[in-house]
């Protein structure tokens, strides 16, 4: 068997071809953590225009704050990766990052990442004449306070060029452990579980 399918339309593929593709896909999925770590490393050169730090430094600061607060692995990895979509999806980077994380983290954390963009507006929307309380539309969510706390404690405060942050390689083990989890494991995803954001 070759490592290339013969079909040119998916409907024409054989069982053997799809079994071969699944085996290759398993190898590809196993490399997810490596690809994410490479993307983060590449953000060392990509500054947040107008800010005093790079995209990578922002993620490292947020993750370091989470780690130092005693947060669990889900929060630490989410804080590190919450803005990974800035370069490719600047208008919906929060949702982009949440979709990367959703199969591997509990719902509370992915909901927070998915909504942090609108919650962050609390800090600056008034400067544009926008409503800083747009986050109020989510008041009934069990995860509302977690998102408020995530933004206040770890996200909005992580633009400091003088903050002593942990290096990227110190987070590698945590990233690899999260992305080695079975996707959508009900023991991990835990819909409705609220552990909250450590202070």
Protein backbone atom coordinates (compact mmCIF):
# COMPACT_ATOMS: atom_id res chain seq x y z
CA UNK A 1 0.00 0.00 0.00
CA UNK A 2 1.25 3.48 -0.81
CA UNK A 3 0.98 6.46 1.52
CA UNK A 4 -1.11 8.40 -1.00
CA UNK A 5 -4.74 7.77 -1.89
CA UNK A 6 -5.80 7.16 -5.47
CA UNK A 7 -9.15 8.95 -5.26
CA UNK A 8 -9.75 12.53 -6.40
CA UNK A 9 -13.20 12.78 -4.77
CA UNK A 10 -13.78 11.65 -1.20
CA UNK A 11 -16.83 9.60 -2.16
CA UNK A 12 -14.61 7.35 -4.27
CA UNK A 13 -12.21 6.36 -1.47
CA UNK A 14 -11.86 2.74 -0.39
CA UNK A 15 -11.89 1.35 3.15
CA UNK A 16 -8.17 0.63 2.85
CA UNK A 17 -7.44 4.21 1.80
CA UNK A 18 -9.42 5.63 4.71
CA UNK A 19 -7.73 3.28 7.17
CA UNK A 20 -4.37 4.46 5.84
CA UNK A 21 -5.47 8.10 6.17
CA UNK A 22 -6.63 7.52 9.75
CA UNK A 23 -3.24 6.08 10.67
CA UNK A 24 -1.54 9.16 9.20
CA UNK A 25 -4.04 11.43 10.97
CA UNK A 26 -3.16 9.83 14.31
CA UNK A 27 0.49 10.75 13.74
CA UNK A 28 -0.56 14.29 12.77
CA UNK A 29 -2.75 14.70 15.86
CA UNK A 30 0.09 13.51 18.06
CA UNK A 31 2.12 16.49 16.82
CA UNK A 32 -0.41 19.12 17.89
CA UNK A 33 1.53 20.21 20.97
CA UNK A 34 4.72 20.61 18.93
CA UNK A 35 2.95 22.76 16.34
CA UNK A 36 1.41 24.97 19.02
CA UNK A 37 4.75 25.42 20.78
CA UNK A 38 6.38 26.35 17.44
CA UNK A 39 3.62 28.88 16.78
CA UNK A 40 4.12 30.40 20.22
CA UNK A 41 7.89 30.59 19.68
CA UNK A 42 7.32 32.36 16.36
CA UNK A 43 5.37 35.03 18.22
CA UNK A 44 8.61 36.15 19.88
CA UNK A 45 9.21 38.13 16.69
CA UNK A 46 5.62 39.22 16.25
CA UNK A 47 5.00 42.24 18.41
CA UNK A 48 1.58 43.47 19.35
CA UNK A 49 1.79 46.68 17.37
CA UNK A 50 1.86 49.62 19.73
CA UNK A 51 2.43 47.47 22.82
CA UNK A 52 5.67 47.19 24.74
CA UNK A 53 5.82 43.39 24.60
CA UNK A 54 5.44 40.62 21.99
CA UNK A 55 2.52 38.27 21.61
CA UNK A 56 4.63 35.50 23.10
CA UNK A 57 5.51 37.61 26.14
CA UNK A 58 1.83 38.37 26.73
CA UNK A 59 0.97 34.66 26.74
CA UNK A 60 3.95 33.86 28.96
CA UNK A 61 2.99 36.56 31.44
CA UNK A 62 -0.62 35.39 31.64
CA UNK A 63 0.44 31.76 32.06
CA UNK A 64 3.07 32.67 34.64
CA UNK A 65 0.48 34.60 36.64
CA UNK A 66 -1.86 31.59 36.48
CA UNK A 67 0.92 29.22 37.55
CA UNK A 68 1.99 31.46 40.45
CA UNK A 69 -1.63 31.70 41.60
CA UNK A 70 -1.71 27.91 41.91
CA UNK A 71 -4.02 27.36 38.94
CA UNK A 72 -4.48 23.86 37.59
CA UNK A 73 -3.00 22.70 34.28
CA UNK A 74 -6.13 23.62 32.29
CA UNK A 75 -5.95 27.26 33.38
CA UNK A 76 -2.18 27.50 32.86
CA UNK A 77 -2.29 26.10 29.33
CA UNK A 78 -5.33 28.22 28.47
CA UNK A 79 -3.60 31.36 29.73
CA UNK A 80 -0.56 30.53 27.62
CA UNK A 81 -2.59 29.89 24.46
CA UNK A 82 -5.58 32.23 24.88
CA UNK A 83 -4.35 34.67 22.21
CA UNK A 84 -2.70 32.17 19.85
CA UNK A 85 -5.16 33.21 17.16
CA UNK A 86 -4.16 36.89 17.10
CA UNK A 87 -2.11 36.54 13.94
CA UNK A 88 -4.51 34.43 11.88
CA UNK A 89 -7.90 35.47 13.27
CA UNK A 90 -7.57 39.00 14.67
CA UNK A 91 -11.34 39.63 14.57
CA UNK A 92 -12.24 36.43 16.43
CA UNK A 93 -9.01 35.27 18.00
CA UNK A 94 -10.81 34.27 21.18
CA UNK A 95 -13.07 31.80 19.40
CA UNK A 96 -10.14 30.54 17.32
CA UNK A 97 -8.13 29.71 20.44
CA UNK A 98 -11.15 28.17 22.18
CA UNK A 99 -11.69 25.75 19.31
CA UNK A 100 -8.08 24.58 19.54
CA UNK A 101 -8.49 23.99 23.28
CA UNK A 102 -12.08 22.69 23.41
CA UNK A 103 -11.36 18.95 22.91
CA UNK A 104 -8.75 18.92 25.71
CA UNK A 105 -9.87 21.24 28.54
CA UNK A 106 -12.91 21.49 30.76
CA UNK A 107 -15.80 23.58 29.51
CA UNK A 108 -15.35 26.35 32.09
CA UNK A 109 -11.89 27.11 30.71
CA UNK A 110 -12.73 26.93 27.02
CA UNK A 111 -15.84 29.09 27.60
CA UNK A 112 -13.62 31.66 29.28
CA UNK A 113 -11.14 31.67 26.40
CA UNK A 114 -13.99 31.88 23.87
CA UNK A 115 -15.49 34.94 25.58
CA UNK A 116 -12.45 36.77 26.93
CA UNK A 117 -12.41 39.19 23.98
CA UNK A 118 -15.76 40.73 24.86
CA UNK A 119 -14.97 40.63 28.59
CA UNK A 120 -11.68 42.48 27.98
CA UNK A 121 -13.68 45.35 26.45
CA UNK A 122 -14.60 46.31 30.01
CA UNK A 123 -11.15 47.92 30.30
CA UNK A 124 -11.10 50.00 27.12
CA UNK A 125 -14.46 50.16 25.30
CA UNK A 126 -15.35 53.55 26.80
CA UNK A 127 -12.36 55.10 24.99
CA UNK A 128 -14.06 54.28 21.68
CA UNK A 129 -17.55 55.23 22.78
CA UNK A 130 -18.54 51.55 23.04
CA UNK A 131 -20.38 49.83 25.83
CA UNK A 132 -17.87 48.41 28.34
CA UNK A 133 -20.60 46.26 29.88
CA UNK A 134 -21.31 44.05 26.87
CA UNK A 135 -20.14 41.15 29.00
CA UNK A 136 -23.35 41.55 31.05
CA UNK A 137 -25.24 39.60 28.37
CA UNK A 138 -23.50 36.50 29.77
CA UNK A 139 -24.42 37.14 33.44
CA UNK A 140 -26.46 33.95 33.61
CA UNK A 141 -23.57 31.73 32.54
CA UNK A 142 -22.08 29.63 35.33
CA UNK A 143 -18.71 30.65 33.89
CA UNK A 144 -19.28 34.42 33.95
CA UNK A 145 -17.25 35.08 37.09
CA UNK A 146 -14.43 32.82 35.92
CA UNK A 147 -14.09 34.92 32.76
CA UNK A 148 -14.22 38.18 34.75
CA UNK A 149 -11.47 36.87 37.04
CA UNK A 150 -9.35 35.48 34.19
CA UNK A 151 -9.39 38.87 32.47
CA UNK A 152 -8.76 40.86 35.63
CA UNK A 153 -6.05 38.71 37.21
CA UNK A 154 -4.14 37.29 34.26
CA UNK A 155 -5.04 38.84 30.90
CA UNK A 156 -5.43 42.62 31.18
CA UNK A 157 -2.47 42.87 33.56
CA UNK A 158 -0.01 40.98 31.32
CA UNK A 159 1.44 43.73 29.15
CA UNK A 160 4.33 44.63 31.44
CA UNK A 161 7.85 44.59 29.95
CA UNK A 162 9.31 44.41 33.47
CA UNK A 163 7.29 41.42 34.68
CA UNK A 164 9.46 38.40 35.50
CA UNK A 165 7.78 35.69 33.43
CA UNK A 166 8.62 32.01 33.16
CA UNK A 167 10.23 30.95 29.83
CA UNK A 168 8.34 29.07 27.13
CA UNK A 169 10.26 25.84 27.66
CA UNK A 170 9.02 25.71 31.26
CA UNK A 171 5.48 25.23 29.92
CA UNK A 172 6.30 22.52 27.37
CA UNK A 173 5.48 19.59 29.63
CA UNK A 174 2.07 21.04 30.54
CA UNK A 175 1.20 21.72 26.89
CA UNK A 176 2.25 18.20 25.89
CA UNK A 177 0.24 16.63 28.74
CA UNK A 178 -2.92 18.52 27.79
CA UNK A 179 -2.72 17.69 24.09
CA UNK A 180 -1.94 14.03 24.82
CA UNK A 181 -5.38 13.68 26.46
CA UNK A 182 -8.08 11.81 24.54
CA UNK A 183 -10.16 14.38 22.67
CA UNK A 184 -13.53 15.19 24.26
CA UNK A 185 -12.93 12.87 27.22
CA UNK A 186 -16.04 13.41 29.40
CA UNK A 187 -13.87 13.16 32.51
CA UNK A 188 -11.89 16.17 31.24
CA UNK A 189 -14.47 18.31 29.44
CA UNK A 190 -16.75 18.34 32.53
CA UNK A 191 -19.61 20.54 31.37
CA UNK A 192 -20.99 22.64 34.20
CA UNK A 193 -18.02 22.19 36.51
CA UNK A 194 -16.87 25.49 37.99
CA UNK A 195 -13.54 25.46 39.81
CA UNK A 196 -12.96 29.18 39.39
CA UNK A 197 -9.84 31.25 38.82
CA UNK A 198 -7.34 31.27 41.71
CA UNK A 199 -6.49 34.69 43.11
